[in-house]
Amino acid sequence: MKISRITLAALLSVALGGFSLAAQAADGAIKVTSLAEVDVVTVGKDGKKSVKRGPAATTVPGTEVIFSNVFENISTKAASGIVINNPVPNNTAYKGGSAMGKDTVITFSADGGKTFDEESKLTVVGADGKKRAAVAGDYTHIRWAYKGQLQPGKSGDVSFKAVIK
């Protein structure tokens, strides 16, 4: 079984520190493209608001950034066992309930990516030294496991939102 691993480092001018991810597939080759975007609201002459997504070129604390990853099977055979691990970027806090990915199982880590589990099962050690349930702001990584096979030339996408601290 051939393992193909792609690691990307996205250099963002959004003061997020390092934003990188890893993707792997048990079969095939997976290309991953990562984006950091914000929703930009504009008001037309008629007074109607419209929302368009644009690059997160300049941000300030409190800005909500949408991190998305498009994964594509660039091989000539179906890919299975696709797993995408994405750290929550430095200086941001994951926005609870925002992780999305069609046909994926989503798990989270609150220990720097050492272990992953369902949100309800994550714990952290609080300032008082006692274990407590982890909250969205404690999450350090998000993992998507794609169910099934991704056919050659096909793609999927996963995303989450985080707020600049």
Foldseek 3Di string as FASTA:
>chain_A
DDKDKDKDWDDAQAPQATWMKMKIWPDAYKDKDKAKWAWDWDADPVRDIDTDIDGPRYDDFFGKIKIKMKMAGAGQFWTAFIKMKTFDTHQKFFDPPFKDWPQWDKWFDLPQPPDTDHQQPDWDQDPVRHIDRDDRRSTTMMMITHPDIAHHGGMIMIMTMIGGD
